[in-house]
Amino acid sequence: MRSWEPPRGWRRITTLDAHAAGEPLRIVTGGIDPIPGTTVLDQRRYAREHLDGLRKAIVFEPRGHADMYGAIPTAPVTPDGDLGVLFFHNEGWSTMCGHGIIALTTALLETGERVGDVVRYDAPPGRVTARATRDGGRVREVAFENVPSFAVALDQSVAVEGLGTVRYDLAFGGAFYAFVDADALGVPLDAGGFRRCIDVGMRIKRAVTASCEVRHPDSPDSADLSFLYGTILTGRSHGPGADSRNVCVFAEGELDRSPTGTGVSARVAIERARGRLRDGASFTVESIIGTRFRGRAIRPATVGPYDAVVPEVAGSAWTVGRSELWIAPDDPLPEGFVLR
């Protein structure tokens, strides 16, 4: 096929695409200017104000889809950092993304964009260190040491429209989640029930947001870290070798195909707070499609008044391609759209 170059005036965005445990990640490798900011939270604030049209163009239809997830590698903001990173989705700009760290590290190392087996990321909530295990040129697994994670409150109750009183645990693993027992609600955690998971998850997210102040001690501004990112429905594993199943509903009704790396981090904090997971022990979590991440508690930590833990989450990702997105100046849908 004869190569073709878009005319002058068209916007061109190059991407590298991957998935971790089935959850997509579209990595922006070119087409945007360096993002200013002395911290990654500063960069995230800038992106929210100035790059939201770009976010929509990348993740929305017709170039993406309602459940697309994206990442922009940025310049590090610490002396020993290798990269900064901003993550985004159909609702806006997230604070951290565990599947994204696994997929981003895999894709950058396998394509030669980065060298070495350790990548120190400056992320909005703090330092995240990823370590790759290789087999020749293939990255077989990435384990990342996440920011300190903690259980905020256990066995809380909230009235949810159409569901009655729902009990939940609130925890932070790079983002805040409400954890709910799916069996207690009669919600099946399998691919056939994904629409029900989205409906129930969003109802719970809205109810908890309305009834509970979510506050991170180190960043109390709701525009930064202090907001409820999603609901995680938990249940029994569907296969041998896993301890539980996580189905995460986040942003504007996105459903994570992976077990959710930040969600596994928060789950480690909950299991440890309940005395069911000792330091160093691993905890394996399935996704809605049966893919798995492995979490463990590395060491204790403290975040404000909370007894916290530094978790490690491990999983595998696959690089699936490169692409170049074009936006013509006369395109009537330059920022795309979403049909859910």
C-alpha atoms as a PDB file:
ATOM      1  CA  MET A   1       0.000   0.000   0.000  1.00  0.00           C
ATOM      2  CA  ARG A   2       1.338   3.430  -0.937  1.00  0.00           C
ATOM      3  CA  SER A   3       2.251   5.553   2.099  1.00  0.00           C
ATOM      4  CA  TRP A   4       0.267   8.719   2.631  1.00  0.00           C
ATOM      5  CA  GLU A   5       1.068  11.785   4.683  1.00  0.00           C
ATOM      6  CA  PRO A   6      -1.717  13.922   6.159  1.00  0.00           C
ATOM      7  CA  PRO A   7      -1.807  17.535   4.917  1.00  0.00           C
ATOM      8  CA  ARG A   8      -0.382  20.450   6.839  1.00  0.00           C
ATOM      9  CA  GLY A   9      -2.672  21.585   9.611  1.00  0.00           C
ATOM     10  CA  TRP A  10      -3.763  18.098  10.634  1.00  0.00           C
ATOM     11  CA  ARG A  11      -2.914  17.084  14.176  1.00  0.00           C
ATOM     12  CA  ARG A  12      -0.867  13.887  14.504  1.00  0.00           C
ATOM     13  CA  ILE A  13      -0.626  11.880  17.717  1.00  0.00           C
ATOM     14  CA  THR A  14       1.548   8.767  17.833  1.00  0.00           C
ATOM     15  CA  THR A  15       0.735   5.992  20.258  1.00  0.00           C
ATOM     16  CA  LEU A  16       1.995   2.662  21.503  1.00  0.00           C
ATOM     17  CA  ASP A  17      -0.761   0.243  22.508  1.00  0.00           C
ATOM     18  CA  ALA A  18      -0.695  -2.527  25.101  1.00  0.00           C
ATOM     19  CA  HIS A  19      -2.904  -4.376  27.525  1.00  0.00           C
ATOM     20  CA  ALA A  20      -2.354  -5.743  31.024  1.00  0.00           C
ATOM     21  CA  ALA A  21      -4.562  -8.703  31.946  1.00  0.00           C
ATOM     22  CA  GLY A  22      -6.982  -7.595  29.234  1.00  0.00           C
ATOM     23  CA  GLU A  23      -7.283  -3.918  30.210  1.00  0.00           C
ATOM     24  CA  PRO A  24      -6.106  -1.589  27.404  1.00  0.00           C
ATOM     25  CA  LEU A  25      -3.509   1.143  27.624  1.00  0.00           C
ATOM     26  CA  ARG A  26      -2.890   3.665  24.848  1.00  0.00           C
ATOM     27  CA  ILE A  27       0.461   5.355  25.465  1.00  0.00           C
ATOM     28  CA  VAL A  28       1.049   8.757  23.851  1.00  0.00           C
ATOM     29  CA  THR A  29       4.558   8.796  22.378  1.00  0.00           C
ATOM     30  CA  GLY A  30       4.398  11.948  20.259  1.00  0.00           C
ATOM     31  CA  GLY A  31       2.261  14.863  19.138  1.00  0.00           C
ATOM     32  CA  ILE A  32       2.066  16.896  22.354  1.00  0.00           C
ATOM     33  CA  ASP A  33       4.378  19.482  23.873  1.00  0.00           C
ATOM     34  CA  PRO A  34       6.155  18.850  27.202  1.00  0.00           C
ATOM     35  CA  ILE A  35       3.729  19.232  30.097  1.00  0.00           C
ATOM     36  CA  PRO A  36       4.851  21.902  32.583  1.00  0.00           C
ATOM     37  CA  GLY A  37       4.821  21.502  36.351  1.00  0.00           C
ATOM     38  CA  THR A  38       7.239  21.111  39.245  1.00  0.00           C
ATOM     39  CA  THR A  39       5.256  18.129  40.588  1.00  0.00           C
ATOM     40  CA  VAL A  40       3.201  15.485  38.832  1.00  0.00           C
ATOM     41  CA  LEU A  41       0.100  16.854  40.542  1.00  0.00           C
ATOM     42  CA  ASP A  42       0.988  20.205  38.916  1.00  0.00           C
ATOM     43  CA  GLN A  43       1.257  18.413  35.571  1.00  0.00           C
ATOM     44  CA  ARG A  44      -2.087  16.722  36.172  1.00  0.00           C
ATOM     45  CA  ARG A  45      -3.707  20.090  36.960  1.00  0.00           C
ATOM     46  CA  TYR A  46      -2.261  21.508  33.729  1.00  0.00           C
ATOM     47  CA  ALA A  47      -3.541  18.536  31.745  1.00  0.00           C
ATOM     48  CA  ARG A  48      -7.032  18.885  33.222  1.00  0.00           C
ATOM     49  CA  GLU A  49      -7.133  22.543  32.212  1.00  0.00           C
ATOM     50  CA  HIS A  50      -5.373  22.467  28.837  1.00  0.00           C
ATOM     51  CA  LEU A  51      -5.326  18.906  27.453  1.00  0.00           C
ATOM     52  CA  ASP A  52      -8.821  17.610  28.054  1.00  0.00           C
ATOM     53  CA  GLY A  53      -9.740  17.881  24.381  1.00  0.00           C
ATOM     54  CA  LEU A  54      -6.718  15.729  23.564  1.00  0.00           C
ATOM     55  CA  ARG A  55      -7.790  13.178  26.186  1.00  0.00           C
ATOM     56  CA  LYS A  56     -11.224  12.926  24.608  1.00  0.00           C
ATOM     57  CA  ALA A  57      -9.818  12.595  21.096  1.00  0.00           C
ATOM     58  CA  ILE A  58      -7.601   9.694  22.172  1.00  0.00           C
ATOM     59  CA  VAL A  59     -10.024   7.668  24.286  1.00  0.00           C
ATOM     60  CA  PHE A  60     -13.460   8.503  22.849  1.00  0.00           C
ATOM     61  CA  GLU A  61     -15.008   7.122  19.688  1.00  0.00           C
ATOM     62  CA  PRO A  62     -14.253   7.061  16.776  1.00  0.00           C
ATOM     63  CA  ARG A  63     -10.538   6.686  17.636  1.00  0.00           C
ATOM     64  CA  GLY A  64     -11.124   4.865  20.914  1.00  0.00           C
ATOM     65  CA  HIS A  65     -14.078   3.501  22.854  1.00  0.00           C
ATOM     66  CA  ALA A  66     -15.929   4.018  26.136  1.00  0.00           C
ATOM     67  CA  ASP A  67     -13.521   1.793  28.086  1.00  0.00           C
ATOM     68  CA  MET A  68     -10.229   2.980  26.572  1.00  0.00           C
ATOM     69  CA  TYR A  69      -7.476   3.960  29.004  1.00  0.00           C
ATOM     70  CA  GLY A  70      -4.516   6.214  28.248  1.00  0.00           C
ATOM     71  CA  ALA A  71      -1.116   7.312  29.542  1.00  0.00           C
ATOM     72  CA  ILE A  72       1.239  10.194  28.833  1.00  0.00           C
ATOM     73  CA  PRO A  73       4.862   9.701  29.941  1.00  0.00           C
ATOM     74  CA  THR A  74       6.268  13.017  31.192  1.00  0.00           C
ATOM     75  CA  ALA A  75       9.583  14.351  32.392  1.00  0.00           C
ATOM     76  CA  PRO A  76      10.510  13.177  35.915  1.00  0.00           C
ATOM     77  CA  VAL A  77      10.146  15.717  38.710  1.00  0.00           C
ATOM     78  CA  THR A  78      12.524  14.087  41.222  1.00  0.00           C
ATOM     79  CA  PRO A  79      16.326  13.779  40.978  1.00  0.00           C
ATOM     80  CA  ASP A  80      16.239   9.968  40.890  1.00  0.00           C
ATOM     81  CA  GLY A  81      13.040   9.560  38.870  1.00  0.00           C
ATOM     82  CA  ASP A  82      13.150   7.985  35.409  1.00  0.00           C
ATOM     83  CA  LEU A  83       9.748   9.111  34.127  1.00  0.00           C
ATOM     84  CA  GLY A  84       6.642  10.921  35.224  1.00  0.00           C
ATOM     85  CA  VAL A  85       3.286   9.566  34.115  1.00  0.00           C
ATOM     86  CA  LEU A  86      -0.262  10.839  33.768  1.00  0.00           C
ATOM     87  CA  PHE A  87      -3.170   8.440  33.266  1.00  0.00           C
ATOM     88  CA  PHE A  88      -6.561   9.258  31.783  1.00  0.00           C
ATOM     89  CA  HIS A  89      -9.913   7.654  30.932  1.00  0.00           C
ATOM     90  CA  ASN A  90     -13.457   8.488  29.814  1.00  0.00           C
ATOM     91  CA  GLU A  91     -14.159  10.800  32.762  1.00  0.00           C
ATOM     92  CA  GLY A  92     -10.869  12.625  33.208  1.00  0.00           C
ATOM     93  CA  TRP A  93      -7.386  12.237  34.660  1.00  0.00           C
ATOM     94  CA  SER A  94      -6.801   9.495  37.232  1.00  0.00           C
ATOM     95  CA  THR A  95      -4.363   9.639  40.136  1.00  0.00           C
ATOM     96  CA  MET A  96      -2.655   6.271  39.650  1.00  0.00           C
ATOM     97  CA  CYS A  97      -3.127   3.140  37.588  1.00  0.00           C
ATOM     98  CA  GLY A  98      -1.590  -0.227  38.433  1.00  0.00           C
ATOM     99  CA  HIS A  99      -2.461  -2.027  35.216  1.00  0.00           C
ATOM    100  CA  GLY A 100      -1.106   1.049  33.451  1.00  0.00           C
ATOM    101  CA  ILE A 101       2.256   0.786  35.231  1.00  0.00           C
ATOM    102  CA  ILE A 102       2.513  -2.891  34.226  1.00  0.00           C
ATOM    103  CA  ALA A 103       1.514  -2.232  30.598  1.00  0.00           C
ATOM    104  CA  LEU A 104       3.579   0.953  30.242  1.00  0.00           C
ATOM    105  CA  THR A 105       6.729  -0.668  31.629  1.00  0.00           C
ATOM    106  CA  THR A 106       6.293  -3.723  29.400  1.00  0.00           C
ATOM    107  CA  ALA A 107       5.712  -1.689  26.246  1.00  0.00           C
ATOM    108  CA  LEU A 108       8.561   0.771  26.837  1.00  0.00           C
ATOM    109  CA  LEU A 109      11.087  -1.975  27.578  1.00  0.00           C
ATOM    110  CA  GLU A 110      10.032  -4.343  24.790  1.00  0.00           C
ATOM    111  CA  THR A 111      10.120  -1.608  22.131  1.00  0.00           C
ATOM    112  CA  GLY A 112      13.417  -0.174  23.353  1.00  0.00           C
ATOM    113  CA  GLU A 113      11.938   3.166  24.405  1.00  0.00           C
ATOM    114  CA  ARG A 114      13.535   2.477  27.809  1.00  0.00           C
ATOM    115  CA  VAL A 115      16.511   0.340  28.820  1.00  0.00           C
ATOM    116  CA  GLY A 116      17.139  -1.466  32.091  1.00  0.00           C
ATOM    117  CA  ASP A 117      14.758  -3.557  34.143  1.00  0.00           C
ATOM    118  CA  VAL A 118      13.802  -0.952  36.772  1.00  0.00           C
ATOM    119  CA  VAL A 119      11.698   2.156  36.065  1.00  0.00           C
ATOM    120  CA  ARG A 120      11.123   4.710  38.810  1.00  0.00           C
ATOM    121  CA  TYR A 121       7.919   6.598  38.070  1.00  0.00           C
ATOM    122  CA  ASP A 122       6.856   9.925  39.505  1.00  0.00           C
ATOM    123  CA  ALA A 123       3.068   9.509  39.700  1.00  0.00           C
ATOM    124  CA  PRO A 124       0.486  11.949  41.118  1.00  0.00           C
ATOM    125  CA  PRO A 125       0.335  10.222  44.556  1.00  0.00           C
ATOM    126  CA  GLY A 126       4.099   9.628  44.766  1.00  0.00           C
ATOM    127  CA  ARG A 127       6.899   7.252  43.767  1.00  0.00           C
ATOM    128  CA  VAL A 128       6.017   3.968  42.075  1.00  0.00           C
ATOM    129  CA  THR A 129       8.912   1.632  41.252  1.00  0.00           C
ATOM    130  CA  ALA A 130       8.445  -1.054  38.602  1.00  0.00           C
ATOM    131  CA  ARG A 131      10.739  -4.059  38.168  1.00  0.00           C
ATOM    132  CA  ALA A 132      10.574  -6.216  35.066  1.00  0.00           C
ATOM    133  CA  THR A 133      11.347  -9.912  34.718  1.00  0.00           C
ATOM    134  CA  ARG A 134      12.573 -10.710  31.199  1.00  0.00           C
ATOM    135  CA  ASP A 135      12.924 -13.739  28.999  1.00  0.00           C
ATOM    136  CA  GLY A 136      15.168 -12.498  26.218  1.00  0.00           C
ATOM    137  CA  GLY A 137      13.438  -9.526  24.635  1.00  0.00           C
ATOM    138  CA  ARG A 138      10.087 -10.403  26.164  1.00  0.00           C
ATOM    139  CA  VAL A 139       8.971  -8.891  29.465  1.00  0.00           C
ATOM    140  CA  ARG A 140       7.273 -11.777  31.239  1.00  0.00           C
ATOM    141  CA  GLU A 141       6.130  -9.936  34.362  1.00  0.00           C
ATOM    142  CA  VAL A 142       6.250  -6.532  35.972  1.00  0.00           C
ATOM    143  CA  ALA A 143       6.053  -6.089  39.740  1.00  0.00           C
ATOM    144  CA  PHE A 144       5.611  -2.558  41.031  1.00  0.00           C
ATOM    145  CA  GLU A 145       6.057  -1.166  44.510  1.00  0.00           C
ATOM    146  CA  ASN A 146       3.125   1.168  44.985  1.00  0.00           C
ATOM    147  CA  VAL A 147       2.607   4.210  47.177  1.00  0.00           C
ATOM    148  CA  PRO A 148       1.602   3.509  50.807  1.00  0.00           C
ATOM    149  CA  SER A 149      -1.930   2.133  50.875  1.00  0.00           C
ATOM    150  CA  PHE A 150      -4.376   2.112  53.761  1.00  0.00           C
ATOM    151  CA  ALA A 151      -7.852   1.159  54.917  1.00  0.00           C
ATOM    152  CA  VAL A 152      -9.810   4.276  55.831  1.00  0.00           C
ATOM    153  CA  ALA A 153     -12.896   2.636  57.343  1.00  0.00           C
ATOM    154  CA  LEU A 154     -14.236  -0.919  57.549  1.00  0.00           C
ATOM    155  CA  ASP A 155     -17.852  -2.101  57.714  1.00  0.00           C
ATOM    156  CA  GLN A 156     -19.455   1.196  56.772  1.00  0.00           C
ATOM    157  CA  SER A 157     -23.076   1.420  55.617  1.00  0.00           C
ATOM    158  CA  VAL A 158     -24.778   3.569  52.998  1.00  0.00           C
ATOM    159  CA  ALA A 159     -28.283   3.730  51.574  1.00  0.00           C
ATOM    160  CA  VAL A 160     -28.163   3.035  47.831  1.00  0.00           C
ATOM    161  CA  GLU A 161     -31.035   3.640  45.445  1.00  0.00           C
ATOM    162  CA  GLY A 162     -32.628   0.332  44.473  1.00  0.00           C
ATOM    163  CA  LEU A 163     -30.256  -1.692  46.665  1.00  0.00           C
ATOM    164  CA  GLY A 164     -31.169  -0.685  50.212  1.00  0.00           C
ATOM    165  CA  THR A 165     -28.456  -0.494  52.853  1.00  0.00           C
ATOM    166  CA  VAL A 166     -25.082  -1.575  51.487  1.00  0.00           C
ATOM    167  CA  ARG A 167     -22.044  -2.355  53.625  1.00  0.00           C
ATOM    168  CA  TYR A 168     -18.650  -1.308  52.301  1.00  0.00           C
ATOM    169  CA  ASP A 169     -14.987  -0.844  53.182  1.00  0.00           C
ATOM    170  CA  LEU A 170     -13.200   2.325  52.084  1.00  0.00           C
ATOM    171  CA  ALA A 171      -9.502   2.078  51.198  1.00  0.00           C
ATOM    172  CA  PHE A 172      -6.745   3.841  49.250  1.00  0.00           C
ATOM    173  CA  GLY A 173      -4.264   2.147  46.927  1.00  0.00           C
ATOM    174  CA  GLY A 174      -3.213   5.109  44.777  1.00  0.00           C
ATOM    175  CA  ALA A 175      -6.908   5.960  44.396  1.00  0.00           C
ATOM    176  CA  PHE A 176      -9.873   5.565  46.740  1.00  0.00           C
ATOM    177  CA  TYR A 177     -12.317   2.678  46.357  1.00  0.00           C
ATOM    178  CA  ALA A 178     -15.460   1.435  48.070  1.00  0.00           C
ATOM    179  CA  PHE A 179     -15.226  -2.366  48.392  1.00  0.00           C
ATOM    180  CA  VAL A 180     -18.506  -4.279  48.448  1.00  0.00           C
ATOM    181  CA  ASP A 181     -19.309  -7.996  48.742  1.00  0.00           C
ATOM    182  CA  ALA A 182     -21.015  -8.903  45.456  1.00  0.00           C
ATOM    183  CA  ASP A 183     -22.619 -12.044  46.878  1.00  0.00           C
ATOM    184  CA  ALA A 184     -24.508  -9.959  49.435  1.00  0.00           C
ATOM    185  CA  LEU A 185     -26.071  -8.037  46.554  1.00  0.00           C
ATOM    186  CA  GLY A 186     -26.640 -11.043  44.305  1.00  0.00           C
ATOM    187  CA  VAL A 187     -24.392  -9.626  41.581  1.00  0.00           C
ATOM    188  CA  PRO A 188     -22.573 -12.211  39.424  1.00  0.00           C
ATOM    189  CA  LEU A 189     -18.917 -11.358  38.826  1.00  0.00           C
ATOM    190  CA  ASP A 190     -18.565 -12.765  35.326  1.00  0.00           C
ATOM    191  CA  ALA A 191     -18.502 -11.371  31.815  1.00  0.00           C
ATOM    192  CA  GLY A 192     -22.165 -12.184  31.276  1.00  0.00           C
ATOM    193  CA  GLY A 193     -23.123  -9.893  34.145  1.00  0.00           C
ATOM    194  CA  PHE A 194     -20.930  -6.928  33.278  1.00  0.00           C
ATOM    195  CA  ARG A 195     -23.834  -4.530  32.670  1.00  0.00           C
ATOM    196  CA  ARG A 196     -25.257  -5.354  36.085  1.00  0.00           C
ATOM    197  CA  CYS A 197     -21.818  -4.765  37.626  1.00  0.00           C
ATOM    198  CA  ILE A 198     -21.623  -1.326  36.008  1.00  0.00           C
ATOM    199  CA  ASP A 199     -25.111  -0.366  37.138  1.00  0.00           C
ATOM    200  CA  VAL A 200     -24.601  -1.486  40.742  1.00  0.00           C
ATOM    201  CA  GLY A 201     -21.051  -0.136  40.917  1.00  0.00           C
ATOM    202  CA  MET A 202     -22.076   3.337  39.763  1.00  0.00           C
ATOM    203  CA  ARG A 203     -25.038   3.466  42.137  1.00  0.00           C
ATOM    204  CA  ILE A 204     -22.747   2.658  45.045  1.00  0.00           C
ATOM    205  CA  LYS A 205     -20.091   5.122  43.892  1.00  0.00           C
ATOM    206  CA  ARG A 206     -22.632   7.944  43.729  1.00  0.00           C
ATOM    207  CA  ALA A 207     -24.133   7.047  47.113  1.00  0.00           C
ATOM    208  CA  VAL A 208     -20.784   6.864  48.924  1.00  0.00           C
ATOM    209  CA  THR A 209     -19.610  10.100  47.290  1.00  0.00           C
ATOM    210  CA  ALA A 210     -22.754  11.873  48.495  1.00  0.00           C
ATOM    211  CA  SER A 211     -22.619  10.505  52.039  1.00  0.00           C
ATOM    212  CA  CYS A 212     -18.920  10.341  52.923  1.00  0.00           C
ATOM    213  CA  GLU A 213     -16.035  12.800  52.781  1.00  0.00           C
ATOM    214  CA  VAL A 214     -13.113  11.099  51.072  1.00  0.00           C
ATOM    215  CA  ARG A 215      -9.887  12.756  52.162  1.00  0.00           C
ATOM    216  CA  HIS A 216      -6.224  11.914  51.686  1.00  0.00           C
ATOM    217  CA  PRO A 217      -4.103  13.340  54.539  1.00  0.00           C
ATOM    218  CA  ASP A 218      -1.288  14.381  52.218  1.00  0.00           C
ATOM    219  CA  SER A 219      -3.511  15.940  49.550  1.00  0.00           C
ATOM    220  CA  PRO A 220      -6.897  17.042  50.903  1.00  0.00           C
ATOM    221  CA  ASP A 221      -7.941  18.899  47.717  1.00  0.00           C
ATOM    222  CA  SER A 222     -10.728  16.977  45.977  1.00  0.00           C
ATOM    223  CA  ALA A 223      -9.257  18.012  42.633  1.00  0.00           C
ATOM    224  CA  ASP A 224      -6.054  16.106  43.430  1.00  0.00           C
ATOM    225  CA  LEU A 225      -6.295  12.841  45.432  1.00  0.00           C
ATOM    226  CA  SER A 226      -9.325  13.248  47.692  1.00  0.00           C
ATOM    227  CA  PHE A 227     -12.190  11.742  45.725  1.00  0.00           C
ATOM    228  CA  LEU A 228     -13.799   8.335  45.299  1.00  0.00           C
ATOM    229  CA  TYR A 229     -12.457   6.789  42.098  1.00  0.00           C
ATOM    230  CA  GLY A 230     -14.668   3.725  41.932  1.00  0.00           C
ATOM    231  CA  THR A 231     -16.441   0.750  43.420  1.00  0.00           C
ATOM    232  CA  ILE A 232     -14.832  -2.679  43.626  1.00  0.00           C
ATOM    233  CA  LEU A 233     -17.189  -5.642  43.819  1.00  0.00           C
ATOM    234  CA  THR A 234     -15.488  -8.597  45.477  1.00  0.00           C
ATOM    235  CA  GLY A 235     -16.333 -12.269  45.494  1.00  0.00           C
ATOM    236  CA  ARG A 236     -15.051 -15.820  45.446  1.00  0.00           C
ATOM    237  CA  SER A 237     -12.510 -16.827  42.824  1.00  0.00           C
ATOM    238  CA  HIS A 238     -13.773 -18.824  39.843  1.00  0.00           C
ATOM    239  CA  GLY A 239     -10.616 -20.892  39.400  1.00  0.00           C
ATOM    240  CA  PRO A 240      -7.978 -22.664  41.480  1.00  0.00           C
ATOM    241  CA  GLY A 241      -5.025 -20.718  42.784  1.00  0.00           C
ATOM    242  CA  ALA A 242      -6.749 -17.374  43.280  1.00  0.00           C
ATOM    243  CA  ASP A 243      -7.920 -15.954  46.598  1.00  0.00           C
ATOM    244  CA  SER A 244     -10.653 -13.631  45.392  1.00  0.00           C
ATOM    245  CA  ARG A 245     -12.204 -11.854  42.424  1.00  0.00           C
ATOM    246  CA  ASN A 246     -12.240  -8.062  41.972  1.00  0.00           C
ATOM    247  CA  VAL A 247     -14.513  -6.263  39.514  1.00  0.00           C
ATOM    248  CA  CYS A 248     -13.817  -2.538  39.466  1.00  0.00           C
ATOM    249  CA  VAL A 249     -16.295   0.020  38.134  1.00  0.00           C
ATOM    250  CA  PHE A 250     -14.696   3.452  37.907  1.00  0.00           C
ATOM    251  CA  ALA A 251     -14.730   6.831  36.146  1.00  0.00           C
ATOM    252  CA  GLU A 252     -17.966   7.245  34.166  1.00  0.00           C
ATOM    253  CA  GLY A 253     -19.064   3.603  34.166  1.00  0.00           C
ATOM    254  CA  GLU A 254     -15.818   2.033  32.946  1.00  0.00           C
ATOM    255  CA  LEU A 255     -15.366  -1.604  33.907  1.00  0.00           C
ATOM    256  CA  ASP A 256     -11.807  -2.788  34.414  1.00  0.00           C
ATOM    257  CA  ARG A 257     -10.942  -5.973  32.509  1.00  0.00           C
ATOM    258  CA  SER A 258      -7.940  -6.502  34.794  1.00  0.00           C
ATOM    259  CA  PRO A 259      -8.037  -7.166  38.556  1.00  0.00           C
ATOM    260  CA  THR A 260      -7.121  -3.444  39.009  1.00  0.00           C
ATOM    261  CA  GLY A 261      -3.587  -2.786  40.274  1.00  0.00           C
ATOM    262  CA  THR A 262      -4.490   0.091  42.585  1.00  0.00           C
ATOM    263  CA  GLY A 263      -7.513  -1.922  43.681  1.00  0.00           C
ATOM    264  CA  VAL A 264      -5.327  -4.904  44.571  1.00  0.00           C
ATOM    265  CA  SER A 265      -3.084  -2.499  46.517  1.00  0.00           C
ATOM    266  CA  ALA A 266      -6.077  -1.213  48.485  1.00  0.00           C
ATOM    267  CA  ARG A 267      -7.299  -4.787  48.935  1.00  0.00           C
ATOM    268  CA  VAL A 268      -3.927  -5.753  50.436  1.00  0.00           C
ATOM    269  CA  ALA A 269      -4.374  -2.897  52.925  1.00  0.00           C
ATOM    270  CA  ILE A 270      -7.858  -4.152  53.848  1.00  0.00           C
ATOM    271  CA  GLU A 271      -6.781  -7.783  54.228  1.00  0.00           C
ATOM    272  CA  ARG A 272      -3.862  -6.685  56.398  1.00  0.00           C
ATOM    273  CA  ALA A 273      -6.096  -4.425  58.513  1.00  0.00           C
ATOM    274  CA  ARG A 274      -8.440  -7.359  59.100  1.00  0.00           C
ATOM    275  CA  GLY A 275      -5.526  -9.557  60.168  1.00  0.00           C
ATOM    276  CA  ARG A 276      -5.917 -11.941  57.239  1.00  0.00           C
ATOM    277  CA  LEU A 277      -2.666 -11.096  55.421  1.00  0.00           C
ATOM    278  CA  ARG A 278       0.714 -11.000  57.100  1.00  0.00           C
ATOM    279  CA  ASP A 279       3.633  -8.973  55.763  1.00  0.00           C
ATOM    280  CA  GLY A 280       5.362 -10.791  52.915  1.00  0.00           C
ATOM    281  CA  ALA A 281       2.429 -13.108  52.151  1.00  0.00           C
ATOM    282  CA  SER A 282       0.931 -12.951  48.671  1.00  0.00           C
ATOM    283  CA  PHE A 283      -2.716 -12.515  47.694  1.00  0.00           C
ATOM    284  CA  THR A 284      -3.899 -13.452  44.178  1.00  0.00           C
ATOM    285  CA  VAL A 285      -6.891 -11.658  42.670  1.00  0.00           C
ATOM    286  CA  GLU A 286      -8.867 -12.535  39.527  1.00  0.00           C
ATOM    287  CA  SER A 287     -10.565 -10.147  37.132  1.00  0.00           C
ATOM    288  CA  ILE A 288     -13.996 -10.432  35.548  1.00  0.00           C
ATOM    289  CA  ILE A 289     -12.412 -12.369  32.662  1.00  0.00           C
ATOM    290  CA  GLY A 290     -10.253 -14.575  34.896  1.00  0.00           C
ATOM    291  CA  THR A 291      -6.909 -12.832  34.423  1.00  0.00           C
ATOM    292  CA  ARG A 292      -4.818 -12.323  37.552  1.00  0.00           C
ATOM    293  CA  PHE A 293      -2.599  -9.972  39.513  1.00  0.00           C
ATOM    294  CA  ARG A 294      -0.637 -10.949  42.591  1.00  0.00           C
ATOM    295  CA  GLY A 295      -0.359  -8.603  45.563  1.00  0.00           C
ATOM    296  CA  ARG A 296       1.643  -8.693  48.759  1.00  0.00           C
ATOM    297  CA  ALA A 297       2.396  -6.492  51.734  1.00  0.00           C
ATOM    298  CA  ILE A 298       6.064  -5.454  51.670  1.00  0.00           C
ATOM    299  CA  ARG A 299       6.423  -3.340  54.797  1.00  0.00           C
ATOM    300  CA  PRO A 300       4.377  -1.186  57.160  1.00  0.00           C
ATOM    301  CA  ALA A 301       4.035   2.553  56.704  1.00  0.00           C
ATOM    302  CA  THR A 302       2.082   5.486  58.096  1.00  0.00           C
ATOM    303  CA  VAL A 303      -0.038   8.000  56.183  1.00  0.00           C
ATOM    304  CA  GLY A 304      -1.362  10.739  58.462  1.00  0.00           C
ATOM    305  CA  PRO A 305      -3.426   8.963  61.146  1.00  0.00           C
ATOM    306  CA  TYR A 306      -3.622   5.716  59.186  1.00  0.00           C
ATOM    307  CA  ASP A 307      -1.712   2.486  59.687  1.00  0.00           C
ATOM    308  CA  ALA A 308      -0.633   1.842  56.102  1.00  0.00           C
ATOM    309  CA  VAL A 309       1.317  -0.699  54.088  1.00  0.00           C
ATOM    310  CA  VAL A 310       3.619  -0.492  51.082  1.00  0.00           C
ATOM    311  CA  PRO A 311       2.181  -3.059  48.653  1.00  0.00           C
ATOM    312  CA  GLU A 312       3.685  -4.778  45.641  1.00  0.00           C
ATOM    313  CA  VAL A 313       1.501  -5.850  42.723  1.00  0.00           C
ATOM    314  CA  ALA A 314       2.701  -8.159  39.934  1.00  0.00           C
ATOM    315  CA  GLY A 315       1.179  -9.060  36.584  1.00  0.00           C
ATOM    316  CA  SER A 316       1.843  -9.446  32.880  1.00  0.00           C
ATOM    317  CA  ALA A 317       1.140  -7.256  29.864  1.00  0.00           C
ATOM    318  CA  TRP A 318       1.380  -7.499  26.089  1.00  0.00           C
ATOM    319  CA  THR A 319       2.389  -4.883  23.541  1.00  0.00           C
ATOM    320  CA  VAL A 320      -0.213  -4.988  20.768  1.00  0.00           C
ATOM    321  CA  GLY A 321       0.792  -2.315  18.256  1.00  0.00           C
ATOM    322  CA  ARG A 322       1.679   1.220  17.246  1.00  0.00           C
ATOM    323  CA  SER A 323      -0.639   3.767  15.695  1.00  0.00           C
ATOM    324  CA  GLU A 324      -0.807   7.341  14.484  1.00  0.00           C
ATOM    325  CA  LEU A 325      -4.037   9.221  15.135  1.00  0.00           C
ATOM    326  CA  TRP A 326      -4.991  12.077  12.822  1.00  0.00           C
ATOM    327  CA  ILE A 327      -7.340  14.970  13.522  1.00  0.00           C
ATOM    328  CA  ALA A 328      -8.311  16.988  10.469  1.00  0.00           C
ATOM    329  CA  PRO A 329      -9.153  20.669  11.016  1.00  0.00           C
ATOM    330  CA  ASP A 330     -12.566  20.168   9.390  1.00  0.00           C
ATOM    331  CA  ASP A 331     -13.428  17.005  11.338  1.00  0.00           C
ATOM    332  CA  PRO A 332     -16.840  17.720  12.947  1.00  0.00           C
ATOM    333  CA  LEU A 333     -15.932  15.381  15.838  1.00  0.00           C
ATOM    334  CA  PRO A 334     -12.369  16.371  16.805  1.00  0.00           C
ATOM    335  CA  GLU A 335     -12.942  15.398  20.455  1.00  0.00           C
ATOM    336  CA  GLY A 336     -15.017  12.343  19.649  1.00  0.00           C
ATOM    337  CA  PHE A 337     -18.049  11.069  21.505  1.00  0.00           C
ATOM    338  CA  VAL A 338     -19.139   8.165  23.712  1.00  0.00           C
ATOM    339  CA  LEU A 339     -22.157   5.917  23.327  1.00  0.00           C
ATOM    340  CA  ARG A 340     -22.617   3.681  26.368  1.00  0.00           C
END
